Protein backbone atom coordinates (compact mmCIF):
# COMPACT_ATOMS: atom_id res chain seq x y z
CA UNK A 1 -72.42 23.88 -41.17
CA UNK A 2 -75.40 25.19 -41.48
CA UNK A 3 -78.95 23.56 -42.18
CA UNK A 4 -78.66 23.81 -45.96
CA UNK A 5 -75.86 21.46 -46.05
CA UNK A 6 -76.10 17.89 -46.47
CA UNK A 7 -74.65 14.93 -44.52
CA UNK A 8 -74.36 11.58 -45.94
CA UNK A 9 -76.93 12.41 -48.80
CA UNK A 10 -79.39 13.98 -45.91
CA UNK A 11 -80.06 17.60 -44.98
CA UNK A 12 -79.14 18.81 -41.61
CA UNK A 13 -80.30 21.11 -38.84
CA UNK A 14 -79.62 21.40 -35.33
CA UNK A 15 -82.88 21.21 -34.40
CA UNK A 16 -85.55 19.09 -36.40
CA UNK A 17 -89.31 20.20 -35.04
CA UNK A 18 -92.22 17.95 -36.18
CA UNK A 19 -95.30 20.10 -36.31
CA UNK A 20 -95.99 23.76 -37.02
CA UNK A 21 -98.51 24.54 -34.25
CA UNK A 22 -98.10 27.05 -31.32
CA UNK A 23 -95.64 24.93 -29.57
CA UNK A 24 -93.45 24.15 -32.85
CA UNK A 25 -93.43 27.71 -34.30
CA UNK A 26 -93.03 28.89 -30.98
CA UNK A 27 -90.14 26.72 -29.94
CA UNK A 28 -88.37 27.59 -33.23
CA UNK A 29 -88.69 31.28 -33.31
CA UNK A 30 -87.17 31.33 -29.76
CA UNK A 31 -84.00 29.20 -30.92
CA UNK A 32 -83.48 30.74 -34.00
CA UNK A 33 -83.69 34.09 -32.42
CA UNK A 34 -80.84 32.91 -29.90
CA UNK A 35 -78.61 31.80 -32.81
CA UNK A 36 -79.43 27.94 -33.10
CA UNK A 37 -80.53 26.55 -36.46
CA UNK A 38 -83.98 25.10 -36.55
CA UNK A 39 -86.22 23.81 -39.35
CA UNK A 40 -89.71 23.36 -38.41
CA UNK A 41 -91.90 21.10 -40.76
CA UNK A 42 -95.50 21.06 -41.50
CA UNK A 43 -97.58 18.61 -43.21
CA UNK A 44 -100.19 20.73 -44.33
CA UNK A 45 -99.80 23.44 -47.11
CA UNK A 46 -101.12 26.24 -44.78
CA UNK A 47 -102.14 27.09 -41.12
CA UNK A 48 -106.14 26.72 -41.89
CA UNK A 49 -107.94 24.28 -39.63
CA UNK A 50 -111.05 24.22 -38.04
CA UNK A 51 -111.63 24.23 -34.58
CA UNK A 52 -107.89 25.03 -33.75
CA UNK A 53 -107.70 26.63 -30.34
CA UNK A 54 -107.63 30.28 -30.51
CA UNK A 55 -108.00 31.34 -26.53
CA UNK A 56 -105.06 33.19 -26.38
CA UNK A 57 -104.55 33.51 -22.49
CA UNK A 58 -102.73 36.48 -20.37
CA UNK A 59 -99.70 34.12 -19.73
CA UNK A 60 -99.37 33.81 -23.66
CA UNK A 61 -99.94 37.86 -24.04
CA UNK A 62 -97.35 38.44 -21.69
CA UNK A 63 -94.60 36.42 -23.17
CA UNK A 64 -95.80 38.02 -26.79
CA UNK A 65 -94.84 41.38 -24.79
CA UNK A 66 -91.82 40.34 -23.84
CA UNK A 67 -90.94 39.47 -27.60
CA UNK A 68 -92.30 43.19 -28.63
CA UNK A 69 -95.15 41.38 -30.74
CA UNK A 70 -97.85 42.77 -28.39
CA UNK A 71 -98.51 45.74 -30.71
CA UNK A 72 -98.49 43.72 -33.64
CA UNK A 73 -101.16 41.58 -32.14
CA UNK A 74 -103.33 44.23 -32.01
CA UNK A 75 -103.15 44.93 -35.32
CA UNK A 76 -104.96 41.48 -36.17
CA UNK A 77 -108.55 41.65 -36.06
CA UNK A 78 -109.76 39.68 -32.84
CA UNK A 79 -112.21 39.86 -30.07
CA UNK A 80 -110.96 40.68 -26.13
CA UNK A 81 -113.11 38.65 -23.69
CA UNK A 82 -113.04 39.75 -20.41
CA UNK A 83 -115.70 37.99 -18.60
CA UNK A 84 -116.14 34.24 -17.91
CA UNK A 85 -119.56 32.82 -16.72
CA UNK A 86 -120.21 29.01 -16.25
CA UNK A 87 -123.33 27.64 -14.61
CA UNK A 88 -127.06 27.83 -14.43
CA UNK A 89 -128.76 31.24 -15.40
CA UNK A 90 -130.20 31.58 -12.00
CA UNK A 91 -126.69 30.26 -10.06
CA UNK A 92 -123.48 30.59 -11.88
CA UNK A 93 -120.57 28.04 -10.96
CA UNK A 94 -117.81 30.32 -12.01
CA UNK A 95 -118.37 34.12 -12.49
CA UNK A 96 -115.41 36.20 -13.31
CA UNK A 97 -114.59 39.58 -14.12
CA UNK A 98 -110.93 39.46 -15.52
CA UNK A 99 -110.82 43.23 -15.83
CA UNK A 100 -110.59 43.37 -11.90
CA UNK A 101 -107.47 41.09 -11.81
CA UNK A 102 -103.99 42.59 -11.57
CA UNK A 103 -102.80 41.12 -14.55
CA UNK A 104 -101.01 43.14 -17.35
CA UNK A 105 -103.44 41.55 -19.65
CA UNK A 106 -106.58 41.05 -17.92
CA UNK A 107 -108.56 39.45 -20.49
CA UNK A 108 -108.48 36.44 -23.23
CA UNK A 109 -107.62 37.25 -26.69
CA UNK A 110 -109.80 35.59 -29.16
CA UNK A 111 -107.77 35.49 -32.43
CA UNK A 112 -108.12 32.86 -35.27
CA UNK A 113 -104.95 30.63 -34.80
CA UNK A 114 -103.95 30.89 -38.50
CA UNK A 115 -103.33 34.55 -37.61
CA UNK A 116 -101.55 33.92 -34.78
CA UNK A 117 -99.05 31.52 -36.45
CA UNK A 118 -98.58 33.70 -39.39
CA UNK A 119 -97.43 36.42 -37.22
CA UNK A 120 -95.34 34.25 -35.38
CA UNK A 121 -93.72 32.74 -38.54
CA UNK A 122 -93.34 36.23 -40.10
CA UNK A 123 -91.18 37.09 -37.13
CA UNK A 124 -89.18 33.96 -36.99
CA UNK A 125 -88.35 34.37 -40.74
CA UNK A 126 -86.33 37.42 -39.77
CA UNK A 127 -83.77 35.19 -38.27
CA UNK A 128 -81.64 33.61 -40.71
CA UNK A 129 -81.38 30.44 -38.84
CA UNK A 130 -85.08 29.67 -39.29
CA UNK A 131 -86.60 27.57 -41.93
CA UNK A 132 -90.37 26.44 -42.18
CA UNK A 133 -91.16 23.58 -44.67
CA UNK A 134 -94.72 23.14 -45.71
CA UNK A 135 -96.47 19.91 -46.76
CA UNK A 136 -93.41 17.90 -44.83
CA UNK A 137 -95.14 15.13 -43.22
CA UNK A 138 -92.76 13.26 -40.71
CA UNK A 139 -92.94 9.70 -40.75
CA UNK A 140 -90.21 7.94 -38.39
CA UNK A 141 -87.29 8.92 -36.59
CA UNK A 142 -83.61 8.32 -37.59
CA UNK A 143 -82.25 6.19 -35.10
CA UNK A 144 -78.26 5.01 -34.22
CA UNK A 145 -77.05 3.85 -31.53
CA UNK A 146 -80.20 4.02 -29.06
CA UNK A 147 -80.50 7.39 -30.04
CA UNK A 148 -82.64 9.56 -32.35
CA UNK A 149 -80.51 11.87 -35.16
CA UNK A 150 -82.98 13.27 -37.05
CA UNK A 151 -86.38 12.29 -38.93
CA UNK A 152 -87.59 11.28 -42.26
CA UNK A 153 -90.30 12.89 -43.81
CA UNK A 154 -92.22 13.11 -47.40
CA UNK A 155 -92.03 16.47 -49.02
CA UNK A 156 -95.18 17.06 -51.25
CA UNK A 157 -95.25 19.58 -54.17
CA UNK A 158 -98.34 21.78 -55.08
CA UNK A 159 -98.34 19.11 -58.06
CA UNK A 160 -99.26 16.29 -55.94
CA UNK A 161 -95.44 15.01 -56.15
CA UNK A 162 -93.93 13.28 -53.16
CA UNK A 163 -90.08 12.83 -52.42
CA UNK A 164 -89.12 10.91 -49.44
CA UNK A 165 -86.27 12.90 -47.43
CA UNK A 166 -84.07 12.53 -44.50
CA UNK A 167 -83.19 15.35 -42.21
CA UNK A 168 -80.37 15.02 -39.44
CA UNK A 169 -80.34 16.80 -36.25
CA UNK A 170 -78.70 17.05 -33.09
CA UNK A 171 -82.42 17.40 -31.30
CA UNK A 172 -85.47 16.17 -32.63
CA UNK A 173 -88.65 17.61 -31.23
CA UNK A 174 -92.21 16.18 -31.53
CA UNK A 175 -94.76 19.24 -31.34
CA UNK A 176 -97.21 17.18 -33.88
CA UNK A 177 -100.41 16.94 -31.65
CA UNK A 178 -101.71 14.12 -29.89
CA UNK A 179 -101.75 11.73 -32.80
CA UNK A 180 -98.32 12.35 -33.55
CA UNK A 181 -96.86 9.68 -36.11
CA UNK A 182 -93.32 10.72 -34.82
CA UNK A 183 -93.95 10.07 -31.56
CA UNK A 184 -95.51 6.29 -32.07
CA UNK A 185 -92.65 5.38 -34.34
CA UNK A 186 -90.42 6.40 -31.57
CA UNK A 187 -92.05 4.16 -29.21
CA UNK A 188 -93.47 6.73 -26.78
CA UNK A 189 -97.33 5.64 -25.65
CA UNK A 190 -99.32 8.21 -23.58
CA UNK A 191 -101.51 7.19 -20.58
CA UNK A 192 -105.26 7.64 -21.27
CA UNK A 193 -106.75 9.80 -18.13
CA UNK A 194 -110.17 9.65 -19.69
CA UNK A 195 -112.66 11.99 -20.82
CA UNK A 196 -116.38 11.80 -20.23
CA UNK A 197 -117.37 13.80 -23.17
CA UNK A 198 -117.14 15.01 -26.74
CA UNK A 199 -117.98 18.28 -28.54
CA UNK A 200 -119.87 19.29 -31.53
CA UNK A 201 -118.71 22.96 -32.68
CA UNK A 202 -120.82 25.05 -34.92
CA UNK A 203 -121.59 29.17 -35.27
CA UNK A 204 -124.72 31.28 -35.14
CA UNK A 205 -124.97 35.04 -35.87
CA UNK A 206 -124.79 37.26 -33.07
CA UNK A 207 -126.99 40.36 -33.05
CA UNK A 208 -124.83 43.64 -32.98
CA UNK A 209 -126.96 45.05 -30.23
CA UNK A 210 -126.44 41.88 -27.91
CA UNK A 211 -124.99 42.16 -24.58
CA UNK A 212 -121.19 41.40 -24.45
CA UNK A 213 -120.72 37.90 -22.13
CA UNK A 214 -117.51 37.16 -22.83
CA UNK A 215 -117.49 33.42 -22.30
CA UNK A 216 -120.56 32.01 -21.36
CA UNK A 217 -121.33 28.28 -20.26
CA UNK A 218 -124.44 27.00 -19.56
CA UNK A 219 -125.88 23.67 -17.57
CA UNK A 220 -128.89 22.08 -19.04
CA UNK A 221 -130.97 18.78 -18.35
CA UNK A 222 -128.48 16.27 -19.45
CA UNK A 223 -126.61 18.97 -21.63
CA UNK A 224 -124.10 21.48 -21.46
CA UNK A 225 -123.61 24.09 -23.87
CA UNK A 226 -120.50 27.13 -24.24
CA UNK A 227 -121.05 30.33 -26.44
CA UNK A 228 -117.77 32.18 -27.27
CA UNK A 229 -118.63 36.03 -27.97
CA UNK A 230 -116.39 36.56 -31.36
CA UNK A 231 -118.36 39.81 -32.15
CA UNK A 232 -120.36 39.13 -35.19
CA UNK A 233 -121.01 35.68 -34.24
CA UNK A 234 -121.31 32.67 -31.65
CA UNK A 235 -118.90 30.27 -31.77
CA UNK A 236 -120.91 27.42 -29.95
CA UNK A 237 -119.41 23.99 -28.27
CA UNK A 238 -122.31 21.75 -27.52
CA UNK A 239 -121.04 18.53 -25.12
CA UNK A 240 -122.33 15.41 -25.70
CA UNK A 241 -121.64 11.86 -24.02
CA UNK A 242 -118.22 10.37 -24.56
CA UNK A 243 -118.40 7.33 -27.09
CA UNK A 244 -120.54 6.11 -30.11
CA UNK A 245 -124.01 6.68 -28.14
CA UNK A 246 -123.44 10.05 -27.95
CA UNK A 247 -122.92 11.36 -31.26
CA UNK A 248 -124.91 8.66 -32.66
CA UNK A 249 -127.87 10.19 -30.55
CA UNK A 250 -127.66 13.53 -31.47
CA UNK A 251 -127.17 13.26 -35.02
CA UNK A 252 -130.22 10.49 -35.59
CA UNK A 253 -132.68 13.12 -34.58
CA UNK A 254 -133.76 15.84 -36.27
CA UNK A 255 -131.61 19.00 -36.91
CA UNK A 256 -135.08 20.87 -35.67
CA UNK A 257 -134.62 19.12 -32.64
CA UNK A 258 -130.98 19.95 -31.93
CA UNK A 259 -131.93 23.59 -32.64
CA UNK A 260 -134.44 23.29 -29.71
CA UNK A 261 -131.61 21.79 -27.48
CA UNK A 262 -129.56 24.32 -28.19
CA UNK A 263 -132.16 26.94 -27.16
CA UNK A 264 -132.64 25.30 -24.04
CA UNK A 265 -129.06 25.29 -22.94
CA UNK A 266 -128.38 28.82 -24.36
CA UNK A 267 -131.54 30.96 -24.93
CA UNK A 268 -129.56 34.24 -25.59
CA UNK A 269 -128.59 32.73 -29.16
CA UNK A 270 -132.42 33.35 -30.08
CA UNK A 271 -133.95 32.25 -33.67
CA UNK A 272 -130.27 32.62 -35.37
CA UNK A 273 -130.26 28.68 -34.13
CA UNK A 274 -132.29 27.91 -37.17
CA UNK A 275 -129.13 28.74 -39.32
CA UNK A 276 -128.03 25.61 -38.19
CA UNK A 277 -130.27 23.80 -40.63
CA UNK A 278 -127.86 21.12 -41.71
CA UNK A 279 -125.81 18.50 -40.06
CA UNK A 280 -122.86 19.45 -42.41
CA UNK A 281 -122.73 22.68 -40.18
CA UNK A 282 -122.10 21.07 -37.20
CA UNK A 283 -118.22 19.64 -36.77
CA UNK A 284 -117.36 16.65 -34.31
CA UNK A 285 -114.56 17.01 -32.06
CA UNK A 286 -113.27 13.81 -30.02
CA UNK A 287 -111.93 15.14 -26.77
CA UNK A 288 -109.10 13.29 -25.25
CA UNK A 289 -106.68 14.16 -22.13
CA UNK A 290 -103.83 11.97 -21.66
CA UNK A 291 -100.14 12.32 -21.44
CA UNK A 292 -97.14 10.80 -21.33
CA UNK A 293 -94.75 9.19 -18.44
CA UNK A 294 -91.75 10.03 -20.29
CA UNK A 295 -91.46 13.02 -22.65
CA UNK A 296 -87.98 12.11 -23.98
CA UNK A 297 -85.62 9.44 -25.58
CA UNK A 298 -81.94 10.06 -26.07
CA UNK A 299 -81.72 13.09 -28.98
CA UNK A 300 -85.87 13.14 -29.03
CA UNK A 301 -88.28 15.29 -26.99
CA UNK A 302 -92.18 15.69 -27.19
CA UNK A 303 -93.84 18.89 -26.27
CA UNK A 304 -97.31 20.46 -26.43
CA UNK A 305 -100.43 18.05 -27.34
CA UNK A 306 -97.72 15.43 -28.35
CA UNK A 307 -96.72 15.39 -24.76
CA UNK A 308 -100.18 16.17 -23.08
CA UNK A 309 -103.23 16.27 -24.69
CA UNK A 310 -105.54 18.70 -22.82
CA UNK A 311 -109.53 18.66 -22.34
CA UNK A 312 -110.92 22.07 -24.01
CA UNK A 313 -112.03 22.82 -20.37
CA UNK A 314 -110.51 26.50 -20.16
CA UNK A 315 -109.15 26.57 -23.43
CA UNK A 316 -105.60 25.89 -21.99
CA UNK A 317 -103.98 23.53 -24.81
CA UNK A 318 -102.27 26.40 -26.75
CA UNK A 319 -101.05 28.27 -24.05
CA UNK A 320 -99.90 25.04 -22.29
CA UNK A 321 -98.04 24.39 -25.54
CA UNK A 322 -96.78 27.48 -25.98
CA UNK A 323 -95.34 27.47 -22.11
CA UNK A 324 -93.71 23.99 -22.78
CA UNK A 325 -92.05 25.85 -26.04
CA UNK A 326 -90.59 28.65 -23.73
CA UNK A 327 -89.31 26.26 -21.20
CA UNK A 328 -87.68 24.16 -23.69
CA UNK A 329 -85.86 27.27 -25.33
CA UNK A 330 -84.68 28.50 -21.99
CA UNK A 331 -83.18 25.25 -20.74
CA UNK A 332 -81.98 23.83 -24.16
CA UNK A 333 -80.58 27.04 -26.24
CA UNK A 334 -77.31 27.44 -24.63
CA UNK A 335 -76.42 23.84 -24.92
CA UNK A 336 -77.90 23.58 -28.32
CA UNK A 337 -75.65 26.26 -29.60
CA UNK A 338 -72.82 24.83 -28.26
CA UNK A 339 -73.42 21.32 -29.84
CA UNK A 340 -74.04 23.40 -33.26
CA UNK A 341 -69.90 24.45 -32.99
CA UNK A 342 -68.96 21.05 -32.85
CA UNK A 343 -67.93 19.23 -35.93
CA UNK A 344 -69.18 15.82 -35.16
CA UNK A 345 -72.26 16.74 -33.60
CA UNK A 346 -74.42 14.31 -35.61
CA UNK A 347 -72.57 10.93 -34.36
CA UNK A 348 -72.72 12.52 -30.66
CA UNK A 349 -75.69 12.61 -28.27
CA UNK A 350 -77.18 15.56 -26.51
CA UNK A 351 -77.25 15.00 -22.66
CA UNK A 352 -80.57 13.23 -22.09
CA UNK A 353 -80.41 15.07 -18.61
CA UNK A 354 -81.15 18.30 -20.22
CA UNK A 355 -84.20 16.76 -21.98
CA UNK A 356 -85.29 15.49 -18.51
CA UNK A 357 -85.11 18.68 -17.20
CA UNK A 358 -87.74 20.18 -19.62
CA UNK A 359 -90.05 17.68 -18.51
CA UNK A 360 -89.60 18.18 -14.26
CA UNK A 361 -89.85 22.03 -15.36
CA UNK A 362 -93.24 21.53 -17.06
CA UNK A 363 -94.29 18.27 -14.98
CA UNK A 364 -96.17 20.14 -12.21
CA UNK A 365 -98.14 22.58 -14.66
CA UNK A 366 -99.26 19.49 -16.97
CA UNK A 367 -100.34 17.46 -14.14
CA UNK A 368 -102.03 19.86 -11.87
CA UNK A 369 -103.97 21.45 -14.71
CA UNK A 370 -104.86 18.19 -15.80
CA UNK A 371 -105.92 17.07 -12.53
CA UNK A 372 -108.31 20.33 -12.29
CA UNK A 373 -109.88 19.18 -15.45
CA UNK A 374 -110.58 15.84 -14.36
CA UNK A 375 -112.26 17.40 -11.13
CA UNK A 376 -114.49 19.43 -13.25
CA UNK A 377 -115.10 16.61 -15.63
CA UNK A 378 -116.42 14.32 -12.89
CA UNK A 379 -118.08 16.98 -10.53
CA UNK A 380 -119.95 19.02 -13.17
CA UNK A 381 -119.64 17.67 -16.74
CA UNK A 382 -120.35 14.06 -16.23
CA UNK A 383 -123.10 14.53 -13.60
CA UNK A 384 -124.80 16.79 -16.17
CA UNK A 385 -124.68 14.66 -19.14
CA UNK A 386 -125.42 11.37 -17.74
CA UNK A 387 -128.69 12.71 -16.06
CA UNK A 388 -131.97 13.43 -17.51
CA UNK A 389 -132.97 15.84 -14.93
CA UNK A 390 -131.66 18.71 -13.59
CA UNK A 391 -128.37 18.22 -11.46
CA UNK A 392 -127.69 20.49 -8.22
CA UNK A 393 -124.73 22.46 -8.24
CA UNK A 394 -122.16 20.66 -6.14
CA UNK A 395 -121.15 22.00 -2.74
CA UNK A 396 -119.44 24.16 -1.76
CA UNK A 397 -120.00 25.76 -5.32
CA UNK A 398 -123.88 26.67 -4.02
CA UNK A 399 -122.70 29.38 -1.94
CA UNK A 400 -121.95 32.65 -2.90
CA UNK A 401 -118.64 32.78 -1.05
CA UNK A 402 -117.54 29.11 -2.50
CA UNK A 403 -118.33 30.39 -6.12
CA UNK A 404 -116.40 33.59 -5.72
CA UNK A 405 -113.23 31.25 -4.36
CA UNK A 406 -113.85 28.63 -7.10
CA UNK A 407 -113.91 31.62 -9.59
CA UNK A 408 -110.53 32.79 -8.46
CA UNK A 409 -108.81 29.34 -8.68
CA UNK A 410 -110.06 28.53 -12.09
CA UNK A 411 -109.06 32.00 -13.24
CA UNK A 412 -105.18 31.48 -11.77
CA UNK A 413 -104.99 27.83 -12.78
CA UNK A 414 -106.65 28.23 -16.44
CA UNK A 415 -105.52 31.65 -17.53
CA UNK A 416 -102.14 32.26 -15.95
CA UNK A 417 -101.07 28.70 -15.37
CA UNK A 418 -99.71 26.90 -12.31
CA UNK A 419 -96.44 27.78 -13.60
CA UNK A 420 -96.05 30.81 -16.25
CA UNK A 421 -92.88 30.69 -18.06
CA UNK A 422 -90.93 33.64 -19.26
CA UNK A 423 -88.51 34.37 -22.24
CA UNK A 424 -85.06 34.02 -20.91
CA UNK A 425 -83.24 33.24 -24.19
CA UNK A 426 -81.23 36.19 -25.21
CA UNK A 427 -81.60 37.50 -28.73
CA UNK A 428 -77.95 36.33 -30.32
CA UNK A 429 -79.17 36.56 -34.15
CA UNK A 430 -79.63 39.93 -35.44
CA UNK A 431 -83.14 40.42 -37.26
CA UNK A 432 -83.25 40.80 -41.05
CA UNK A 433 -86.35 42.49 -42.07
CA UNK A 434 -87.73 41.04 -45.33
CA UNK A 435 -88.74 42.91 -48.51
CA UNK A 436 -91.83 41.27 -48.22
CA UNK A 437 -94.05 39.02 -46.01
CA UNK A 438 -93.12 35.39 -46.78
CA UNK A 439 -96.30 33.48 -45.32
CA UNK A 440 -99.70 34.72 -47.16
CA UNK A 441 -101.85 36.61 -44.60
CA UNK A 442 -104.89 34.66 -44.14
CA UNK A 443 -108.20 36.37 -43.05
CA UNK A 444 -111.11 34.66 -41.12
CA UNK A 445 -113.10 35.48 -44.60
CA UNK A 446 -111.05 33.25 -46.38
CA UNK A 447 -111.27 30.09 -43.88
CA UNK A 448 -114.10 27.52 -43.92
CA UNK A 449 -115.95 26.88 -40.90
CA UNK A 450 -115.61 27.86 -37.23
CA UNK A 451 -112.38 28.77 -36.09
């Protein structure tokens, strides 16, 4: 039986994945590559979304190497950054030249996430067991005898039509983000770890002759900003205090005053900050930091942001989500392949101990990274944002040796990861090269707003 057949008026698949982000698409690719039937459901009609994570770290670049996609990635327009600087202009807290690190890819690839996802989908669609449903919004799990047996979803047509459907599965995976509707319906509630800030996102033009600075964060008086060198423009994150007073305080002031605050923190932006002449050009991102105590129930697993929301510190979210997907595939592909051959697989429950192994495998990396982010939030960001006068750099980072040691820790934890994963699943399903791409390519020029 394949995932195109029906089961008591419901479609079937071996694995149903809610969410077509980095975690969901990577997991679907790896399982289909290993011979497992997979259906990925994405509620939007395309992958174009503002402010999706697009900092692809060395750990993820190595995984693309292992899949044979490194050359294809290089063919997609993007920017490589090998410098990371955070702190004041006079005394940085973090300064790392990644080109000196002994990694296979000693840089961060800044690539629009829609291009990244399109590449993964095009590769996944070469395997007959992979299916992607767009405009398919997952609503709640199908439950029987205490176990999840699939999911219900609404399939929307391009004409606005809606059809309620069911998809039976051996395993149902939530990879649908920190506001997962499916996770809520399954009764899993994350623990809020707290975040002292939210972020205003914007972009300004970068002069062609401007020095290459990679990722540059600056501390100001009661303010902090990060500028990411995207070649012909700066992608800028301006940090504000968490809560209503933070966003409202900034937006009640004139946009001209906001321009001056940007220049105070990031003076190298120059007069291009005048391009931000209306609040409609500034987007608000609510920052969260949380994680589930239990990532699974019988027949159901959460990964990526559905299991743990990461702070934007270090741009780790997309990379940890992909690491979750790789670990899940490594641990579950063989059991799922065996279950796929069972005639009564939709009445039986996949051993929950297998799902527990995924959480056990990824727990230390997740909790350790979030602890690191909490330290940065408390010791640096909260101090800066809550003060009306310049704050001293925390000890021992004031020393040159302390700054170097801290920079190495940041590079190791944020860019390589506490527990990097590697692809262990075999390629059992022979790829079929399609006559044409089945997912339309999207370029930055067609997208709206900062990437």
